[in-house]
Amino acid sequence: DLPVFSRRHTDPDMAFCRRARETGLFLHVTNREEFGHLLVTSGYNSSRLHPDLLELPHNPQDWEQQYLHENYSRIFEENLVQEPCPGVFQFPLFSARFCRELLDEAESYGHWGPDHHEAGAQALSLAPLGLAPLWAGALSRFLLPITARLRPP
């Protein structure tokens, strides 16, 4: 039996469609309503403490639902950005779950401990944890639109 959602050089949804055609299954596809989506599971690193944290590039819709602050999208519709002092901005970006899981990951790799949670603690490099690409991707995807709005060219 061939895998249903896996085919070399093909996304899971297209692999599924091809497999359906090969077996004579008729498909009617509509893009007028959303019925769900397929998760990309290739490259899922289940050895991590919180593997979903690394899934932004592969499953962005699920990642955003879990890790973005519930009021993130409202930043663009309402005035949720505060400026407590000149040039310092405060706004909802990541969820409490994101923050908790990021700290858990750091603690599990021995780079960060509960005593470092206080304000003024030394900075933590995410590169040794393998989280630098996640951080860079999240900032460019979610922070850049906010900064563009706050500081137009």
C-alpha atoms as a PDB file:
ATOM      1  CA  ASP A   1       0.000   0.000   0.000  1.00  0.00           C
ATOM      2  CA  LEU A   2       1.409   3.387  -1.011  1.00  0.00           C
ATOM      3  CA  PRO A   3       1.419   6.343   1.396  1.00  0.00           C
ATOM      4  CA  VAL A   4      -1.587   8.612   0.868  1.00  0.00           C
ATOM      5  CA  PHE A   5      -0.081  11.993   1.825  1.00  0.00           C
ATOM      6  CA  SER A   6       3.521  11.398   0.834  1.00  0.00           C
ATOM      7  CA  ARG A   7       5.086  11.638  -2.607  1.00  0.00           C
ATOM      8  CA  ARG A   8       8.568  12.781  -3.547  1.00  0.00           C
ATOM      9  CA  HIS A   9       8.746  16.516  -4.431  1.00  0.00           C
ATOM     10  CA  THR A  10       5.019  16.981  -3.767  1.00  0.00           C
ATOM     11  CA  ASP A  11       3.075  18.756  -1.044  1.00  0.00           C
ATOM     12  CA  PRO A  12       0.779  16.529   1.053  1.00  0.00           C
ATOM     13  CA  ASP A  13      -2.435  17.905  -0.475  1.00  0.00           C
ATOM     14  CA  MET A  14      -1.242  17.286  -4.035  1.00  0.00           C
ATOM     15  CA  ALA A  15       0.037  13.828  -3.094  1.00  0.00           C
ATOM     16  CA  PHE A  16      -3.428  13.030  -1.733  1.00  0.00           C
ATOM     17  CA  CYS A  17      -5.109  14.264  -4.940  1.00  0.00           C
ATOM     18  CA  ARG A  18      -2.784  12.238  -7.151  1.00  0.00           C
ATOM     19  CA  ARG A  19      -3.350   9.107  -5.065  1.00  0.00           C
ATOM     20  CA  ALA A  20      -7.121   9.641  -5.334  1.00  0.00           C
ATOM     21  CA  ARG A  21      -6.892   9.955  -9.138  1.00  0.00           C
ATOM     22  CA  GLU A  22      -4.733   6.832  -9.357  1.00  0.00           C
ATOM     23  CA  THR A  23      -7.315   4.819  -7.430  1.00  0.00           C
ATOM     24  CA  GLY A  24     -10.236   6.176  -9.482  1.00  0.00           C
ATOM     25  CA  LEU A  25     -11.697   8.294  -6.687  1.00  0.00           C
ATOM     26  CA  PHE A  26     -13.670  11.298  -7.940  1.00  0.00           C
ATOM     27  CA  LEU A  27     -12.850  14.558  -6.162  1.00  0.00           C
ATOM     28  CA  HIS A  28     -14.922  17.715  -6.180  1.00  0.00           C
ATOM     29  CA  VAL A  29     -12.906  20.630  -4.848  1.00  0.00           C
ATOM     30  CA  THR A  30     -14.278  23.992  -3.810  1.00  0.00           C
ATOM     31  CA  ASN A  31     -12.431  26.954  -2.415  1.00  0.00           C
ATOM     32  CA  ARG A  32     -15.547  28.839  -1.373  1.00  0.00           C
ATOM     33  CA  GLU A  33     -15.655  27.375   2.117  1.00  0.00           C
ATOM     34  CA  GLU A  34     -12.914  26.280   4.444  1.00  0.00           C
ATOM     35  CA  PHE A  35     -13.283  22.720   5.663  1.00  0.00           C
ATOM     36  CA  GLY A  36      -9.902  22.438   7.343  1.00  0.00           C
ATOM     37  CA  HIS A  37      -6.352  21.911   6.207  1.00  0.00           C
ATOM     38  CA  LEU A  38      -3.632  19.297   6.130  1.00  0.00           C
ATOM     39  CA  LEU A  39      -0.710  19.416   8.510  1.00  0.00           C
ATOM     40  CA  VAL A  40       2.781  19.100   7.119  1.00  0.00           C
ATOM     41  CA  THR A  41       4.433  16.493   9.307  1.00  0.00           C
ATOM     42  CA  SER A  42       7.698  15.969   7.433  1.00  0.00           C
ATOM     43  CA  GLY A  43      10.514  17.360   9.519  1.00  0.00           C
ATOM     44  CA  TYR A  44       8.460  17.329  12.739  1.00  0.00           C
ATOM     45  CA  ASN A  45      11.017  17.078  15.541  1.00  0.00           C
ATOM     46  CA  SER A  46       9.304  15.071  18.256  1.00  0.00           C
ATOM     47  CA  SER A  47      12.518  14.938  20.279  1.00  0.00           C
ATOM     48  CA  ARG A  48      11.977  18.571  21.353  1.00  0.00           C
ATOM     49  CA  LEU A  49      10.106  19.382  24.540  1.00  0.00           C
ATOM     50  CA  HIS A  50       7.598  21.501  22.579  1.00  0.00           C
ATOM     51  CA  PRO A  51       7.916  20.437  18.935  1.00  0.00           C
ATOM     52  CA  ASP A  52       4.946  22.566  17.796  1.00  0.00           C
ATOM     53  CA  LEU A  53       6.971  25.658  18.683  1.00  0.00           C
ATOM     54  CA  LEU A  54       9.218  24.984  15.668  1.00  0.00           C
ATOM     55  CA  GLU A  55       6.375  24.501  13.181  1.00  0.00           C
ATOM     56  CA  LEU A  56       5.948  28.128  11.989  1.00  0.00           C
ATOM     57  CA  PRO A  57       7.498  27.519   8.530  1.00  0.00           C
ATOM     58  CA  HIS A  58       5.600  24.260   7.969  1.00  0.00           C
ATOM     59  CA  ASN A  59       2.195  24.871   9.572  1.00  0.00           C
ATOM     60  CA  PRO A  60       1.805  28.645   9.933  1.00  0.00           C
ATOM     61  CA  GLN A  61      -1.964  28.641  10.453  1.00  0.00           C
ATOM     62  CA  ASP A  62      -1.765  26.299  13.436  1.00  0.00           C
ATOM     63  CA  TRP A  63       1.315  28.067  14.796  1.00  0.00           C
ATOM     64  CA  GLU A  64      -0.410  31.458  14.703  1.00  0.00           C
ATOM     65  CA  GLN A  65      -3.469  30.065  16.454  1.00  0.00           C
ATOM     66  CA  GLN A  66      -1.361  28.629  19.280  1.00  0.00           C
ATOM     67  CA  TYR A  67       1.418  31.159  19.692  1.00  0.00           C
ATOM     68  CA  LEU A  68       0.242  34.601  18.607  1.00  0.00           C
ATOM     69  CA  HIS A  69      -1.458  36.773  21.196  1.00  0.00           C
ATOM     70  CA  GLU A  70      -5.243  36.646  20.815  1.00  0.00           C
ATOM     71  CA  ASN A  71      -5.288  40.416  20.213  1.00  0.00           C
ATOM     72  CA  TYR A  72      -2.456  40.506  17.675  1.00  0.00           C
ATOM     73  CA  SER A  73      -4.691  41.154  14.650  1.00  0.00           C
ATOM     74  CA  ARG A  74      -6.476  43.946  16.521  1.00  0.00           C
ATOM     75  CA  ILE A  75      -3.237  45.961  16.474  1.00  0.00           C
ATOM     76  CA  PHE A  76      -3.998  46.808  12.845  1.00  0.00           C
ATOM     77  CA  GLU A  77      -7.668  47.645  13.456  1.00  0.00           C
ATOM     78  CA  GLU A  78      -7.571  49.437  16.795  1.00  0.00           C
ATOM     79  CA  ASN A  79      -5.079  51.522  18.716  1.00  0.00           C
ATOM     80  CA  LEU A  80      -3.603  48.772  20.918  1.00  0.00           C
ATOM     81  CA  VAL A  81      -0.058  50.088  20.727  1.00  0.00           C
ATOM     82  CA  GLN A  82       1.100  51.980  23.792  1.00  0.00           C
ATOM     83  CA  GLU A  83       4.195  54.193  24.018  1.00  0.00           C
ATOM     84  CA  PRO A  84       5.151  54.326  27.726  1.00  0.00           C
ATOM     85  CA  CYS A  85       8.156  56.533  26.878  1.00  0.00           C
ATOM     86  CA  PRO A  86       9.462  57.989  23.609  1.00  0.00           C
ATOM     87  CA  GLY A  87      10.562  55.307  21.156  1.00  0.00           C
ATOM     88  CA  VAL A  88       9.427  52.388  23.361  1.00  0.00           C
ATOM     89  CA  PHE A  89       6.318  50.578  22.167  1.00  0.00           C
ATOM     90  CA  GLN A  90       4.176  48.010  23.931  1.00  0.00           C
ATOM     91  CA  PHE A  91       1.676  45.769  22.119  1.00  0.00           C
ATOM     92  CA  PRO A  92       0.348  42.199  22.176  1.00  0.00           C
ATOM     93  CA  LEU A  93       2.544  39.911  20.090  1.00  0.00           C
ATOM     94  CA  PHE A  94       2.999  36.408  21.491  1.00  0.00           C
ATOM     95  CA  SER A  95       0.687  34.302  23.639  1.00  0.00           C
ATOM     96  CA  ALA A  96       1.438  33.253  27.203  1.00  0.00           C
ATOM     97  CA  ARG A  97       1.824  29.712  25.846  1.00  0.00           C
ATOM     98  CA  PHE A  98       4.607  30.857  23.486  1.00  0.00           C
ATOM     99  CA  CYS A  99       6.475  32.539  26.333  1.00  0.00           C
ATOM    100  CA  ARG A 100       6.056  29.557  28.655  1.00  0.00           C
ATOM    101  CA  GLU A 101       7.181  27.022  26.034  1.00  0.00           C
ATOM    102  CA  LEU A 102      10.138  29.163  24.969  1.00  0.00           C
ATOM    103  CA  LEU A 103      11.304  29.300  28.591  1.00  0.00           C
ATOM    104  CA  ASP A 104      10.714  25.550  28.959  1.00  0.00           C
ATOM    105  CA  GLU A 105      12.878  24.890  25.892  1.00  0.00           C
ATOM    106  CA  ALA A 106      15.657  27.101  27.260  1.00  0.00           C
ATOM    107  CA  GLU A 107      15.503  25.447  30.677  1.00  0.00           C
ATOM    108  CA  SER A 108      15.493  21.939  29.193  1.00  0.00           C
ATOM    109  CA  TYR A 109      18.748  22.699  27.372  1.00  0.00           C
ATOM    110  CA  GLY A 110      20.360  24.051  30.530  1.00  0.00           C
ATOM    111  CA  HIS A 111      20.803  27.575  29.177  1.00  0.00           C
ATOM    112  CA  TRP A 112      18.246  29.275  31.352  1.00  0.00           C
ATOM    113  CA  GLY A 113      16.908  28.631  34.794  1.00  0.00           C
ATOM    114  CA  PRO A 114      14.002  29.771  36.944  1.00  0.00           C
ATOM    115  CA  ASP A 115      16.299  32.314  38.651  1.00  0.00           C
ATOM    116  CA  HIS A 116      16.767  34.083  35.279  1.00  0.00           C
ATOM    117  CA  HIS A 117      13.072  34.932  34.861  1.00  0.00           C
ATOM    118  CA  GLU A 118      13.486  38.189  36.753  1.00  0.00           C
ATOM    119  CA  ALA A 119      13.814  41.520  34.958  1.00  0.00           C
ATOM    120  CA  GLY A 120      17.395  42.497  34.257  1.00  0.00           C
ATOM    121  CA  ALA A 121      18.646  38.953  33.767  1.00  0.00           C
ATOM    122  CA  GLN A 122      21.302  38.412  31.146  1.00  0.00           C
ATOM    123  CA  ALA A 123      20.232  37.899  27.542  1.00  0.00           C
ATOM    124  CA  LEU A 124      19.788  34.416  26.166  1.00  0.00           C
ATOM    125  CA  SER A 125      21.063  33.421  22.732  1.00  0.00           C
ATOM    126  CA  LEU A 126      18.568  31.218  20.952  1.00  0.00           C
ATOM    127  CA  ALA A 127      21.147  29.855  18.481  1.00  0.00           C
ATOM    128  CA  PRO A 128      22.522  27.097  20.795  1.00  0.00           C
ATOM    129  CA  LEU A 129      18.934  25.964  21.367  1.00  0.00           C
ATOM    130  CA  GLY A 130      18.268  25.672  17.636  1.00  0.00           C
ATOM    131  CA  LEU A 131      15.567  28.355  17.954  1.00  0.00           C
ATOM    132  CA  ALA A 132      17.260  31.232  16.105  1.00  0.00           C
ATOM    133  CA  PRO A 133      15.521  30.463  12.775  1.00  0.00           C
ATOM    134  CA  LEU A 134      12.143  30.305  14.543  1.00  0.00           C
ATOM    135  CA  TRP A 135      12.775  33.625  16.278  1.00  0.00           C
ATOM    136  CA  ALA A 136      13.990  35.345  13.100  1.00  0.00           C
ATOM    137  CA  GLY A 137      11.019  33.998  11.122  1.00  0.00           C
ATOM    138  CA  ALA A 138       8.489  35.012  13.761  1.00  0.00           C
ATOM    139  CA  LEU A 139       9.923  38.511  14.086  1.00  0.00           C
ATOM    140  CA  SER A 140      10.029  39.123  10.341  1.00  0.00           C
ATOM    141  CA  ARG A 141       6.531  37.730   9.840  1.00  0.00           C
ATOM    142  CA  PHE A 142       4.782  39.365  12.807  1.00  0.00           C
ATOM    143  CA  LEU A 143       6.919  42.240  14.087  1.00  0.00           C
ATOM    144  CA  LEU A 144       7.856  43.862  10.769  1.00  0.00           C
ATOM    145  CA  PRO A 145       4.243  44.729   9.855  1.00  0.00           C
ATOM    146  CA  ILE A 146       3.841  46.445  13.236  1.00  0.00           C
ATOM    147  CA  THR A 147       7.077  48.410  12.939  1.00  0.00           C
ATOM    148  CA  ALA A 148       6.135  49.445   9.397  1.00  0.00           C
ATOM    149  CA  ARG A 149       2.892  50.815  10.775  1.00  0.00           C
ATOM    150  CA  LEU A 150       4.608  52.607  13.668  1.00  0.00           C
ATOM    151  CA  ARG A 151       7.488  53.993  11.624  1.00  0.00           C
ATOM    152  CA  PRO A 152       6.270  54.583   8.045  1.00  0.00           C
ATOM    153  CA  PRO A 153       9.008  55.344   5.495  1.00  0.00           C
END
